[in-house]
Structure formats: C-alpha cells, structure tokens
Protein backbone atom coordinates (compact mmCIF):
# COMPACT_ATOMS: atom_id res chain seq x y z
CA MET A 1 118.31 84.94 145.98
CA ALA A 2 114.87 86.31 147.00
CA MET A 3 114.79 83.05 148.87
CA LEU A 4 117.93 83.78 150.58
CA GLU A 5 116.36 87.65 151.54
CA ALA A 6 113.58 86.05 152.87
CA GLY A 7 115.79 84.40 155.95
CA GLY A 8 115.52 81.10 153.56
CA ASN A 9 118.54 78.66 153.22
CA ALA A 10 121.11 77.21 151.08
CA PHE A 11 118.63 74.61 149.46
CA ASP A 12 115.62 77.19 149.80
CA ALA A 13 117.20 79.48 147.26
CA ALA A 14 119.00 76.30 145.12
CA VAL A 15 114.76 74.78 144.50
CA ALA A 16 113.81 78.22 143.26
CA ALA A 17 116.53 78.40 141.62
CA GLY A 18 116.07 75.10 140.14
CA PHE A 19 111.83 75.40 138.99
CA THR A 20 112.19 78.86 137.54
CA LEU A 21 115.36 77.21 135.35
CA GLN A 22 112.78 74.70 134.43
CA VAL A 23 110.47 77.61 132.91
CA VAL A 24 112.56 80.51 131.15
CA GLN A 25 115.56 77.77 130.43
CA PRO A 26 113.04 75.01 129.20
CA HIS A 27 115.91 74.20 125.79
CA LEU A 28 118.58 73.60 128.57
CA ASN A 29 116.71 71.25 131.01
CA GLY A 30 113.01 70.68 132.00
CA PRO A 31 110.62 69.02 134.51
CA GLY A 32 110.75 65.94 133.36
CA GLY A 33 114.72 65.58 133.89
CA ASP A 34 117.11 64.13 135.73
CA LEU A 35 119.01 66.09 139.18
CA PRO A 36 121.96 64.69 140.86
CA VAL A 37 122.70 67.05 143.88
CA ILE A 38 125.87 67.07 145.86
CA PHE A 39 125.65 68.77 149.01
CA ALA A 40 126.28 69.61 152.45
CA ARG A 41 125.13 71.07 156.04
CA ALA A 42 126.32 73.36 157.77
CA ASP A 43 125.26 71.46 161.33
CA GLU A 44 126.70 68.06 159.91
CA GLN A 45 129.77 68.67 157.73
CA LEU A 46 128.92 65.72 154.90
CA PRO A 47 129.19 65.43 151.86
CA THR A 48 125.91 63.71 150.55
CA VAL A 49 124.53 63.12 146.91
CA LEU A 50 121.29 63.28 146.43
CA CYS A 51 120.18 60.91 143.20
CA ALA A 52 117.37 62.54 141.05
CA GLN A 53 118.82 60.16 137.97
CA GLY A 54 115.60 57.89 137.64
CA PRO A 55 115.87 54.35 136.85
CA ALA A 56 114.69 52.39 133.27
CA PRO A 57 110.50 51.78 133.05
CA ALA A 58 110.26 47.85 133.82
CA GLY A 59 108.74 47.99 130.04
CA ALA A 60 112.46 49.17 128.77
CA THR A 61 113.92 45.74 128.04
CA SER A 62 116.68 44.94 125.23
CA ALA A 63 113.90 42.55 123.68
CA HIS A 64 111.61 45.29 123.28
CA PHE A 65 114.13 48.10 121.45
CA ALA A 66 115.13 44.49 119.72
CA GLU A 67 112.06 44.00 118.80
CA LEU A 68 112.13 47.24 116.73
CA GLY A 69 113.83 46.61 114.98
CA LEU A 70 116.59 49.43 117.00
CA GLY A 71 120.10 49.03 117.61
CA LEU A 72 120.66 52.10 119.72
CA ILE A 73 117.98 53.93 122.23
CA PRO A 74 117.51 56.94 120.08
CA GLY A 75 118.02 60.05 121.26
CA SER A 76 114.98 61.76 121.13
CA GLY A 77 111.10 61.01 121.15
CA PRO A 78 109.36 59.08 124.25
CA LEU A 79 110.81 56.29 124.01
CA ALA A 80 113.51 56.91 125.54
CA ALA A 81 112.38 58.09 129.16
CA THR A 82 113.71 57.68 132.22
CA VAL A 83 111.25 57.99 135.40
CA PRO A 84 111.42 62.07 135.79
CA GLY A 85 113.85 63.03 138.60
CA ALA A 86 114.11 66.54 138.21
CA THR A 87 111.18 67.85 140.21
CA LEU A 88 110.51 64.95 142.36
CA GLY A 89 114.59 65.64 143.50
CA TRP A 90 113.79 69.70 144.05
CA LEU A 91 110.64 68.30 146.08
CA THR A 92 112.46 65.95 148.20
CA LEU A 93 115.24 68.44 148.93
CA LEU A 94 113.14 71.22 150.16
CA ARG A 95 111.48 68.66 152.29
CA ASP A 96 114.52 67.53 153.59
CA HIS A 97 117.04 70.22 154.42
CA GLY A 98 114.43 73.32 153.42
CA THR A 99 112.55 75.86 155.66
CA LEU A 100 110.65 77.06 153.25
CA ASP A 101 106.75 76.12 152.15
CA LEU A 102 106.79 75.27 148.49
CA ARG A 103 103.98 78.68 147.02
CA ALA A 104 106.95 80.26 148.83
CA VAL A 105 109.43 78.32 146.72
CA LEU A 106 107.59 78.06 143.22
CA GLY A 107 106.05 81.48 143.61
CA PRO A 108 109.08 83.14 140.67
CA ALA A 109 108.43 79.97 138.20
CA ILE A 110 104.97 80.27 139.05
CA SER A 111 104.92 83.74 138.10
CA TYR A 112 107.51 83.73 134.90
CA ALA A 113 105.07 80.26 134.02
CA ARG A 114 101.75 82.14 133.84
CA ASP A 115 102.73 86.02 133.33
CA GLY A 116 105.74 85.54 130.43
CA PHE A 117 109.26 86.23 130.68
CA PRO A 118 111.48 87.91 127.72
CA LEU A 119 113.73 85.50 125.98
CA VAL A 120 117.30 85.70 127.00
CA GLY A 121 119.20 85.72 123.88
CA ASP A 122 118.81 83.42 120.68
CA SER A 123 119.31 80.27 121.94
CA VAL A 124 115.91 79.20 122.91
CA GLY A 125 114.40 80.42 120.06
CA GLN A 126 117.09 78.66 117.77
CA ALA A 127 116.45 75.55 119.14
CA ILE A 128 112.60 75.59 118.35
CA ALA A 129 113.45 76.27 114.97
CA THR A 130 115.90 73.57 114.57
CA VAL A 131 112.95 71.73 115.09
CA GLU A 132 110.06 73.38 113.61
CA GLU A 133 109.47 70.95 111.24
CA LEU A 134 108.86 68.22 113.50
CA PHE A 135 107.05 70.22 115.84
CA ARG A 136 104.82 71.01 113.01
CA THR A 137 104.13 67.55 111.20
CA ASP A 138 104.47 65.74 114.57
CA TRP A 139 104.84 66.87 117.82
CA THR A 140 101.94 69.38 117.33
CA THR A 141 101.58 69.33 120.79
CA SER A 142 104.41 70.75 121.40
CA ALA A 143 103.86 73.34 118.82
CA ALA A 144 101.15 74.46 120.07
CA VAL A 145 103.13 75.34 123.71
CA TYR A 146 107.10 76.68 121.58
CA LEU A 147 104.56 77.82 118.66
CA PRO A 148 103.09 80.83 119.68
CA GLY A 149 101.10 82.95 117.09
CA ASP A 150 102.03 80.30 114.91
CA ARG A 151 105.80 81.00 114.16
CA VAL A 152 109.90 80.83 116.03
CA PRO A 153 109.44 83.19 119.11
CA ARG A 154 111.82 85.86 118.98
CA ALA A 155 114.70 87.06 121.83
CA GLY A 156 113.33 89.33 124.47
CA GLU A 157 109.40 88.34 123.60
CA LEU A 158 107.75 87.51 126.43
CA PHE A 159 106.70 83.93 126.34
CA ARG A 160 104.62 81.92 128.75
CA ASN A 161 103.65 78.22 128.85
CA PRO A 162 100.16 78.21 131.64
CA ALA A 163 99.89 74.41 131.80
CA GLN A 164 103.15 74.25 133.21
CA ALA A 165 102.14 76.84 135.72
CA ALA A 166 99.17 75.07 136.52
CA THR A 167 101.13 71.89 137.37
CA TYR A 168 103.07 74.33 139.31
CA GLU A 169 99.75 75.64 141.48
CA ARG A 170 98.48 72.16 141.99
CA LEU A 171 101.72 70.80 143.78
CA VAL A 172 101.27 73.72 145.50
CA ALA A 173 97.57 73.36 146.19
CA ALA A 174 98.80 69.50 147.08
CA SER A 175 100.89 70.54 149.81
CA GLU A 176 98.66 72.87 151.50
CA ALA A 177 97.06 70.13 152.37
CA GLY A 178 97.47 69.95 155.87
CA GLY A 179 99.86 68.45 158.97
CA SER A 180 103.33 69.09 158.91
CA ARG A 181 105.75 70.63 156.60
CA GLU A 182 107.42 67.59 155.85
CA SER A 183 104.17 65.86 155.67
CA ARG A 184 102.65 68.73 153.16
CA LEU A 185 105.30 68.43 150.73
CA ASP A 186 104.70 64.45 151.23
CA ASN A 187 101.61 65.75 149.41
CA ALA A 188 103.19 67.22 147.24
CA ILE A 189 104.86 64.13 146.49
CA ALA A 190 102.43 61.67 145.40
CA ALA A 191 100.36 64.31 143.66
CA TRP A 192 103.96 64.15 141.12
CA THR A 193 104.47 60.26 141.81
CA GLU A 194 100.43 58.60 142.56
CA GLY A 195 98.47 61.23 141.60
CA PHE A 196 98.18 64.11 138.54
CA VAL A 197 101.60 64.13 136.67
CA ALA A 198 102.13 60.34 136.65
CA GLN A 199 97.68 59.76 135.33
CA ALA A 200 98.81 61.84 132.37
CA ILE A 201 102.33 60.44 132.39
CA ASP A 202 100.88 56.93 132.05
CA ALA A 203 97.69 58.21 129.58
CA PHE A 204 100.58 59.90 126.92
CA CYS A 205 103.10 57.26 126.76
CA PRO A 206 101.03 54.53 124.57
CA LEU A 207 100.79 56.95 122.16
CA PRO A 208 103.79 56.87 118.99
CA TRP A 209 106.14 59.54 118.21
CA ARG A 210 108.59 60.50 115.67
CA ASP A 211 111.81 60.03 117.20
CA SER A 212 115.40 60.07 116.01
CA SER A 213 115.22 56.70 114.48
CA GLY A 214 112.77 58.25 111.68
CA GLU A 215 110.20 55.78 113.05
CA ARG A 216 107.50 56.60 115.10
CA HIS A 217 106.96 54.99 118.47
CA ALA A 218 105.32 54.72 122.06
CA GLY A 219 107.38 55.46 124.67
CA VAL A 220 106.55 52.41 127.67
CA LEU A 221 107.56 54.49 131.57
CA THR A 222 104.39 53.67 133.05
CA GLY A 223 102.80 55.48 136.12
CA GLU A 224 103.41 52.30 137.70
CA ASP A 225 106.63 52.85 137.54
CA MET A 226 106.34 56.52 138.83
CA ALA A 227 104.47 55.44 141.60
CA GLN A 228 107.62 52.82 142.67
CA TRP A 229 110.66 55.13 142.27
CA ARG A 230 111.73 57.66 144.70
CA PRO A 231 115.42 59.55 144.48
CA THR A 232 118.30 57.91 147.27
CA TYR A 233 120.78 60.26 149.83
CA GLU A 234 124.40 58.47 148.91
CA GLN A 235 127.94 59.17 150.19
CA PRO A 236 129.98 60.02 147.17
CA ALA A 237 133.32 59.38 145.97
CA HIS A 238 135.57 60.81 146.66
CA LEU A 239 139.37 61.47 146.26
CA ASP A 240 142.05 63.44 148.63
CA VAL A 241 144.63 65.33 146.61
CA HIS A 242 146.36 68.72 146.50
CA GLY A 243 145.01 69.41 150.42
CA VAL A 244 141.66 68.91 149.11
CA THR A 245 139.16 66.15 149.42
CA VAL A 246 136.88 65.81 146.11
CA CYS A 247 134.22 64.61 146.18
CA LYS A 248 131.35 63.29 143.03
CA THR A 249 128.44 60.84 142.50
CA ALA A 250 128.91 56.82 141.91
CA ALA A 251 129.64 55.38 139.01
CA TRP A 252 126.19 55.39 137.71
CA GLY A 253 127.72 59.03 136.55
CA GLN A 254 130.75 59.67 135.14
CA GLY A 255 132.15 62.03 138.09
CA PRO A 256 134.35 59.50 139.24
CA VAL A 257 136.30 60.56 135.43
CA LEU A 258 137.25 63.80 137.30
CA LEU A 259 138.87 61.52 140.35
CA GLN A 260 140.28 59.28 138.01
CA SER A 261 142.14 62.60 136.06
CA LEU A 262 143.18 64.25 139.51
CA ALA A 263 144.94 60.74 139.78
CA LEU A 264 146.90 60.05 136.86
CA LEU A 265 148.15 63.88 137.14
CA GLU A 266 149.68 62.87 140.45
CA GLY A 267 153.11 63.80 140.98
CA LEU A 268 153.53 65.10 137.65
CA ALA A 269 154.94 69.14 136.69
CA LEU A 270 152.05 70.87 136.02
CA ARG A 271 152.42 74.25 134.90
CA PRO A 272 148.91 75.65 133.31
CA GLY A 273 149.14 77.30 130.30
CA THR A 274 151.50 75.29 128.77
CA ALA A 275 151.68 73.23 125.95
CA ASP A 276 152.75 70.10 128.05
CA PHE A 277 149.87 70.90 130.68
CA VAL A 278 147.53 70.36 128.13
CA HIS A 279 149.03 67.41 126.79
CA LEU A 280 148.86 65.36 130.02
CA VAL A 281 145.68 66.11 131.48
CA VAL A 282 143.98 65.91 128.18
CA GLU A 283 145.90 62.40 127.32
CA ALA A 284 144.98 61.66 130.95
CA GLU A 285 141.41 62.56 130.83
CA LYS A 286 141.50 59.81 127.86
CA LEU A 287 142.76 57.16 130.02
CA ALA A 288 139.98 57.64 133.02
CA PHE A 289 137.43 57.96 129.82
CA ALA A 290 138.56 54.77 128.20
CA ASP A 291 138.05 53.47 131.63
CA ARG A 292 134.74 54.99 132.43
CA GLU A 293 133.33 52.95 128.82
CA ALA A 294 134.13 50.34 130.47
CA TRP A 295 134.00 49.79 134.17
CA TYR A 296 131.21 53.06 135.15
CA GLY A 297 127.75 51.75 135.62
CA ASP A 298 124.90 51.63 138.11
CA VAL A 299 126.04 48.13 138.97
CA PRO A 300 127.86 46.68 143.11
CA ASP A 301 130.75 45.64 141.46
CA VAL A 302 132.69 48.78 139.91
CA PRO A 303 136.53 48.33 141.34
CA MET A 304 136.15 51.84 142.38
CA THR A 305 138.68 51.85 144.69
CA GLU A 306 141.10 50.40 142.67
CA LEU A 307 140.57 52.15 139.80
CA LEU A 308 141.19 55.72 142.47
CA SER A 309 143.93 53.94 143.83
CA ALA A 310 147.65 55.07 143.58
CA ALA A 311 148.82 52.22 142.33
CA TYR A 312 146.79 51.87 139.66
CA ASN A 313 146.70 54.94 138.27
CA ALA A 314 151.15 55.21 138.95
CA GLN A 315 150.77 51.59 135.93
CA ARG A 316 147.91 54.15 134.27
CA ARG A 317 149.88 56.69 134.48
CA ALA A 318 153.38 54.77 132.91
CA LEU A 319 151.19 54.32 129.42
CA ILE A 320 151.10 58.22 128.81
CA THR A 321 153.87 59.71 126.48
CA ASP A 322 154.63 62.22 124.47
CA GLY A 323 152.80 62.02 121.81
CA ALA A 324 149.09 62.25 121.55
CA SER A 325 147.49 58.44 122.01
CA LEU A 326 144.94 57.82 118.84
CA ASP A 327 143.20 53.94 121.06
CA LEU A 328 141.18 54.01 123.74
CA ARG A 329 142.79 51.97 127.01
CA PRO A 330 141.16 50.55 129.75
CA GLY A 331 142.61 49.72 132.15
CA SER A 332 142.21 46.09 134.68
CA PRO A 333 142.03 46.71 137.70
CA ALA A 334 142.01 44.25 140.38
CA GLY A 335 143.33 42.24 137.03
CA ARG A 336 139.42 42.07 135.69
CA THR A 337 139.70 42.31 131.69
CA PRO A 338 137.73 45.42 131.05
CA ARG A 339 135.38 45.28 127.94
CA LEU A 340 134.05 47.82 125.85
CA PRO A 341 130.64 47.74 123.55
CA SER A 342 130.76 46.27 120.40
CA PHE A 343 129.63 49.75 118.82
CA VAL A 344 132.97 51.96 119.68
CA GLY A 345 134.58 49.67 117.55
CA SER A 346 132.37 49.28 115.05
CA ALA A 347 132.36 51.63 112.02
CA SER A 348 128.49 52.37 113.20
CA GLY A 349 130.97 53.64 115.95
CA ALA A 350 132.80 56.66 114.17
CA ALA A 351 132.09 60.36 114.36
CA GLY A 352 129.67 61.59 112.25
CA ALA A 353 128.74 65.36 110.95
CA GLU A 354 126.74 66.12 113.92
CA SER A 355 129.71 66.55 116.11
CA GLY A 356 130.64 69.58 117.04
CA ILE A 357 132.57 72.54 119.68
CA GLY A 358 131.25 73.20 123.14
CA GLU A 359 127.45 72.57 124.22
CA PRO A 360 126.43 70.15 121.50
CA VAL A 361 123.51 71.46 119.00
CA THR A 362 119.71 70.16 118.33
CA THR A 363 119.53 68.67 114.93
CA SER A 364 115.81 68.66 113.23
CA ASP A 365 115.22 65.38 113.96
CA GLY A 366 114.98 66.27 118.11
CA VAL A 367 118.60 65.11 119.36
CA ARG A 368 120.06 67.43 121.65
CA ARG A 369 123.09 66.05 123.50
CA GLY A 370 124.57 67.41 126.39
CA ASP A 371 122.60 70.62 127.10
CA THR A 372 122.29 71.06 130.82
CA VAL A 373 122.11 73.86 133.47
CA HIS A 374 123.93 74.71 136.84
CA VAL A 375 123.64 76.21 140.26
CA ASP A 376 126.33 76.37 143.29
CA VAL A 377 124.53 78.55 146.43
CA VAL A 378 126.19 78.90 149.45
CA ASP A 379 125.22 80.29 152.47
CA ARG A 380 126.31 82.59 155.70
CA TRP A 381 125.57 79.84 157.58
CA GLY A 382 127.92 77.07 156.00
CA ASN A 383 125.17 75.48 154.01
CA ILE A 384 126.69 74.70 150.33
CA VAL A 385 124.67 73.02 147.21
CA ALA A 386 125.71 72.19 143.61
CA ALA A 387 123.51 70.79 141.56
CA MET A 388 122.90 69.78 138.08
CA PRO A 389 119.50 69.26 136.85
CA SER A 390 118.96 68.55 133.27
CA GLY A 391 117.06 66.78 130.25
CA GLY A 392 113.74 67.16 130.04
CA TRP A 393 114.18 69.87 126.76
CA LEU A 394 112.07 70.88 124.83
CA GLN A 395 113.43 69.08 121.71
CA SER A 396 113.25 66.14 123.45
CA SER A 397 109.96 65.23 123.74
CA PRO A 398 106.72 65.69 122.44
CA VAL A 399 104.81 68.45 125.76
CA ILE A 400 102.24 66.19 127.99
CA PRO A 401 99.18 68.23 126.84
CA GLU A 402 98.13 68.61 130.33
CA LEU A 403 101.79 69.49 132.05
CA GLY A 404 103.01 71.34 129.51
CA PHE A 405 106.15 70.51 129.14
CA GLY A 406 107.66 66.53 128.00
CA LEU A 407 109.41 63.85 129.36
CA GLY A 408 112.95 62.93 129.08
CA THR A 409 115.63 61.07 126.56
CA ARG A 410 118.71 59.58 129.69
CA LEU A 411 117.81 56.51 128.10
CA GLN A 412 119.76 57.07 125.09
CA MET A 413 123.17 56.52 127.56
CA ALA A 414 122.14 52.87 128.01
CA TRP A 415 123.37 50.03 125.52
CA LEU A 416 121.24 47.69 124.39
CA GLU A 417 124.15 44.67 124.06
CA PRO A 418 124.15 43.06 127.18
CA GLY A 419 126.65 42.22 129.47
CA LEU A 420 128.51 46.14 130.22
CA PRO A 421 128.09 48.03 133.29
CA ASN A 422 126.45 50.56 131.85
CA SER A 423 123.58 47.91 129.43
CA LEU A 424 119.83 48.52 129.37
CA ALA A 425 117.88 46.43 132.04
CA PRO A 426 114.26 47.59 133.86
CA ARG A 427 114.76 49.68 136.74
CA LYS A 428 117.94 50.19 136.35
CA ARG A 429 119.51 54.05 135.90
CA PRO A 430 121.28 54.84 132.73
CA ARG A 431 124.74 56.21 133.03
CA THR A 432 124.57 60.13 133.06
CA THR A 433 127.58 62.47 132.27
CA LEU A 434 125.63 65.17 134.87
CA SER A 435 128.31 65.95 137.15
CA PRO A 436 128.74 68.63 140.19
CA THR A 437 132.08 68.45 142.54
CA LEU A 438 132.14 69.66 146.31
CA VAL A 439 135.35 70.15 147.65
CA MET A 440 135.91 69.25 151.53
CA ARG A 441 139.24 71.08 153.09
CA ASP A 442 139.65 69.50 156.61
CA GLY A 443 136.32 68.19 156.96
CA ILE A 444 134.63 71.55 155.81
CA ALA A 445 133.19 72.40 152.38
CA VAL A 446 134.58 75.19 150.92
CA LEU A 447 133.65 74.88 147.09
CA ALA A 448 131.17 73.64 144.97
CA CYS A 449 131.60 73.78 141.64
CA GLY A 450 129.84 72.85 137.93
CA SER A 451 129.91 72.74 134.18
CA PRO A 452 127.01 72.16 132.12
CA GLY A 453 128.88 70.63 128.70
CA GLY A 454 127.52 66.57 128.75
CA ASP A 455 130.80 64.48 128.00
CA GLN A 456 132.91 67.69 128.50
CA GLN A 457 131.43 68.45 132.05
CA ASP A 458 134.50 67.13 134.28
CA GLN A 459 136.93 68.02 131.71
CA TRP A 460 135.96 71.76 131.82
CA GLN A 461 135.42 71.13 135.48
CA LEU A 462 139.20 69.76 135.74
CA VAL A 463 140.27 73.06 134.17
CA PHE A 464 139.11 74.60 136.18
CA LEU A 465 140.09 73.07 139.79
CA LEU A 466 143.95 72.28 138.11
CA HIS A 467 144.33 76.46 137.38
CA HIS A 468 142.36 77.26 141.21
CA LEU A 469 144.11 74.63 143.32
CA LEU A 470 147.39 74.08 141.97
CA GLY A 471 147.64 77.24 140.23
CA GLY A 472 146.68 79.07 143.51
CA SER A 473 144.01 81.38 140.79
CA ASP A 474 140.66 82.96 142.19
CA LEU A 475 137.68 81.96 141.27
CA GLN A 476 137.02 83.92 138.20
CA GLU A 477 140.59 83.15 137.11
CA SER A 478 139.91 79.80 137.15
CA ILE A 479 136.98 80.04 135.49
CA GLU A 480 138.19 82.54 132.54
CA ALA A 481 141.31 80.61 132.16
CA PRO A 482 141.55 79.46 128.61
CA SER A 483 140.09 75.61 128.30
CA PHE A 484 139.65 72.54 126.17
CA HIS A 485 139.01 69.14 126.01
CA THR A 486 138.56 65.71 123.92
CA THR A 487 136.88 64.34 122.01
CA HIS A 488 139.07 60.70 121.44
CA PHE A 489 136.28 59.02 123.46
CA PRO A 490 132.62 57.40 122.28
CA SER A 491 129.78 59.89 123.28
CA SER A 492 127.12 59.31 125.86
CA PHE A 493 124.65 60.81 123.85
CA TYR A 494 122.69 59.63 119.70
CA PRO A 495 124.62 58.56 117.95
CA ARG A 496 127.30 58.09 120.20
CA ALA A 497 130.38 59.32 118.23
CA SER A 498 133.80 59.40 118.67
CA GLU A 499 137.23 61.50 117.54
CA PRO A 500 140.02 59.26 118.44
CA GLY A 501 142.73 62.14 119.24
CA HIS A 502 140.25 65.13 118.69
CA LEU A 503 141.55 68.03 121.28
CA VAL A 504 138.64 70.99 121.21
CA VAL A 505 140.91 74.91 122.38
CA GLU A 506 139.65 77.94 122.79
CA ASP A 507 142.55 80.39 120.79
CA ARG A 508 143.63 82.08 123.82
CA LEU A 509 146.23 79.19 124.44
CA GLY A 510 148.12 80.75 121.92
CA ASP A 511 149.48 79.61 118.89
CA ASP A 512 152.64 78.38 119.86
CA VAL A 513 151.32 76.47 121.89
CA ILE A 514 148.74 75.18 119.42
CA ASP A 515 151.44 74.18 117.54
CA GLU A 516 153.00 72.21 119.80
CA LEU A 517 150.08 70.35 120.61
CA THR A 518 149.60 69.26 116.39
CA ARG A 519 153.44 68.60 116.41
CA ARG A 520 152.46 65.47 118.81
CA GLY A 521 149.64 64.12 117.24
CA HIS A 522 146.90 66.09 118.63
CA VAL A 523 144.00 66.63 116.02
CA VAL A 524 143.52 70.22 117.28
CA ARG A 525 140.49 72.24 116.40
CA ARG A 526 140.15 75.32 117.46
CA ALA A 527 136.40 77.25 119.12
CA GLY A 528 137.60 80.72 119.27
CA PRO A 529 138.94 82.75 121.68
CA TRP A 530 135.36 82.32 124.39
CA SER A 531 133.75 78.93 123.67
CA LEU A 532 134.59 76.26 125.77
CA GLY A 533 132.64 75.46 129.08
CA ARG A 534 130.02 77.42 131.62
CA MET A 535 131.53 76.64 134.63
CA CYS A 536 130.58 78.80 138.16
CA ALA A 537 131.68 78.05 141.10
CA VAL A 538 130.95 78.80 144.90
CA SER A 539 133.26 79.01 148.04
CA ARG A 540 132.95 80.06 151.70
CA ALA A 541 136.43 80.67 154.33
CA PRO A 542 135.46 78.06 157.04
CA ALA A 543 137.70 80.53 159.21
CA SER A 544 136.43 84.12 158.19
CA GLY A 545 132.74 83.04 156.79
CA VAL A 546 133.76 85.09 153.95
CA LEU A 547 131.53 83.80 150.58
CA LYS A 548 132.68 84.06 147.14
CA ALA A 549 130.99 83.54 143.58
CA ALA A 550 132.20 83.07 140.21
CA ALA A 551 130.64 82.78 137.66
CA ASN A 552 130.94 81.49 133.08
CA PRO A 553 131.49 85.34 130.98
CA ARG A 554 131.24 82.35 127.51
CA GLY A 555 127.67 82.84 126.15
CA GLY A 556 126.39 85.54 128.52
CA LEU A 557 124.09 83.11 130.61
CA GLY A 558 126.26 82.21 133.41
CA TYR A 559 126.11 84.79 136.75
CA ALA A 560 126.77 85.00 140.69
CA VAL A 561 124.75 87.46 142.55
CA GLY A 562 125.69 87.71 146.65
CA ARG A 563 125.19 90.25 149.12
C-alpha cells in the first residue's frame, strides 16, 4: 500500500509485496523460486502473461538421473532446481511496467531481512521444526539461518536474515550505477543472471546434499544456465464463458484446467451449495485434470484449441454420470491418442500416508508440496495484476551462505519417462501448478484472483468463480463459500501420489450434502469447517472506477487493504 500512496502503480506495489513475502514467508516462497504473473495495463487492456518459471538446466537429462538410479526427480535438494525465476521476474515486471526505482520497492524487504520481523503464527516455526534434524545433520548452512540461538524460532520472535538483506542491497547498488531507469534495472538483472548471484549458485551447486531420495546428490544448475535465460511475455490461454473472458497461463502451467472445467460445465444446471453442484464440478475437474496429465507441458503441439472447443467438451461432458468416477480418463482431442505416464498406473503411484488436505505438509526430508503465496493488486488507473510466487522454500534446498536463500525444486514436476508432454529435457519448463487468473469483460480487465495450494489452486478458484459469476455472490461471499477439491489424479509433487475417487470437503457443506456425495460413490474426507482454499481477489468496475478487494479468513494469513 505504501507504494501506491507514494504515487506508484499496481506493478510497483505487486513487486514490493513479492519481495517482502520472500522475507516474511520463507516457507512459502523465496528468491530462488518461480513466478507466473498475469496482468493488464490500463493504457492497453491486453491480458498478458509474464512467465518467470525457469527451465531445466542444460545438465538435467533423463540419462543423468538414470545414472544416479532415480526413477523420480527428488522433491527436495539442489538436484531438483530449475533456473530460479521469481526474483528475475519481479525485476523484469518492475523494469517494464513499474514507475519507482528498485531502492524504493525493495526497501521494506531489506528492512525486514536486516532489522527483523516478528514471525506471524506458528507456520514458519512448524516448517523449520519438521526439517530441524535435516538442518542439523546435513543442511548446516540452513541451520545457520533458521535455527538462531541453536533452536527453532517461536511465533512472535524477531527473525532476521542478514545475508538475504545483503543480497538485496547489492542488487540495489547495481541498479544505481547510472543511466536511464530501464538501464539501471537492467544492471540489477545482470547482477542476478551473470554477476554475484549466478557466481554463488555456480559454486554451490556441485556440492552434494541429502534430498528426498535419502541420498546425497549435487545439483546440475550452473552460472551459464542463469546467464542464458530470461522471463518471457506471452498471450494467455482464454475462454469466453458466462459473459466474461477468463485468462490463464498456457499449458506449461496447469491453468487451462480451470478453462476446461468451465467449458465442461457450460449449460449444466449448477446450484451452489447442493450435492449436485459439488458432484458435477468434481467430475468435470477429473476429466480436465486427466487431460492435464495426458496433454499439458512445455511443448509446441498441445492441442489447446481442441481441448477448449465446445464440440470436444460436449463429448467429454457425456462421460459425467450420477456416480463418482474412479478412473483417470483423458480424451482424444483431434483424434490423437492420449498417453499417461507409466508411473500413474503402477503400484508406486498409489496414495501414501503423506497425502493430506488443504495446504500440503512438510515431511522430514524437506519435501513440501504446493505451498505458495498470491498477490493481487488493482490501482486507480485500472492497472491490474495477479501474481503467484512460490518455490525456493526454506525447506526445499540448502541455503547458499553468500546469498541467504536456497534454490527451488520445481523440476520434481517433470517426468523422467521420455515421450510425454511433461518429460524432462534441458531448457524445458516443468509443468507448474502456479496459476493466477485474470477476468475480462467487454475487453476490459475487471477481476484478478488466485489461491495457493498446488494441485488445488484451480479447483478452489473454480468454486470461487462459479459462486461469483453464476451465483451472483460478491467477492467476499464467494471466497467464504464452503469449498472442496479432489485428489483423484496424480499429484504434481514428489512422490506423485493419487487417491482415485477421493473428495475433500469443508464440513460447512452440511451433513445432507456430504451424505449424498458418499451415496454417489465419492470417498469423502471431512476437512473441518474453515480449511480449504487461500483465495484472494481484486476487482474494478470500469464505469465507476470503484475498486474492491477480498481475502480469505481461512488460516488467518490473507488480507485485503485499500483506500
């Protein structure tokens, strides 16, 4: 908010929030993580995606993992690192669309990292406690940062990360070397991609560290990988539905599953709050996510036009019956034969004890699946931004001492099996779960929204959008509506578990609704009354210019602010 009050725009505010979240929510995102942004500028009103999802390093080949005896890419440790994109994405967004200098925008993050901030709630401490043994016995560089005083920090205590503050300060110093505003930010980008950050990562990655495989492995990310990659601007995938255009990332992310789900539900009688509503939504999602497994990836031949077509979805819609499906059923767009990973049908692909509800949990080997933050900003001029930074968690990879943060582990989302859209390949983006949303009406951006939650992100957003667009509920009412999701399909995260037919619900749906869902064959798991979803949203009414925002009460971490 301070950026807006200082005369900055929505892009300045989003970047300042993003950098601050890297400091104060280190278990949910970090400088070494990933970032997709979807936005519209007030002066152009063109929905645009900034992809700051880094690709696989040049040395990340299936042959290399086979030599290590690995059938899946580990969920933690430097071997699972892609080229870090989050910080580079924020710098790019600020350079191209912001108005303020880097020192102003990074100021709050630098202050919190250098001078300290009180840990909010127990979530950071709980994440550290879960991996405390790993930090003490192997990831000792992380212990030096996250076990101050040789113990897990408590809620409310001041926490500092001087090395991370110093990294930010060096980026600011690089940006003040002179020239135009754009060239100054280019200097900061160069310091990240070719300067001291890339050099520190290049020196650190060859060191072996314990990961979720139980073994110690070195990473393959190099300074050359850092130097060769930059974030890109792209046109979004989109669908016209219910009088609006819903925009998502392309199929290098899971975003189009939201569009497919909306297309599958088109024309059906949906009454929010009923068992039929939950059943139809979940069955549509099962079909859309099956197509995600068979067709989505960073490849040029994803049949997205067919996947979103009315004819294809009418054919797929006919598969929805009154009973819960227990099968993973991808379709055949344009007559093509779908192919699922062999792991999906194997015994090793069955659900394990780690499968959870709501926000996924950290396990003792450092695996944390799906934890993310989300930022939406709209300003008085009509600029609107939805950003989903994630990865680079404190529990994902050991801290690089000179930088104060660790790398991300997004590579775990790629398959080692060849010939799949999401198969591992050098310089290829793994299919991410990060999925912000932008909604246009009559060619003008009117709504931005999103939710953390890994594979649940687009499921929770779908519930929100159906309540808002179909049910006529306002932003806050739509966020607070009882939510649900399915774990029917393979998880995007190591160890890639699935739970066929499983449906996770908030108890507020009511006993009658839940009993009817059970009768229809869903394996229902109650998650408590206020547990599912981390939605937040902003909107702007073009005619009046009225701005609105809403945030999730669940978890006590979301908030909306404006003036």
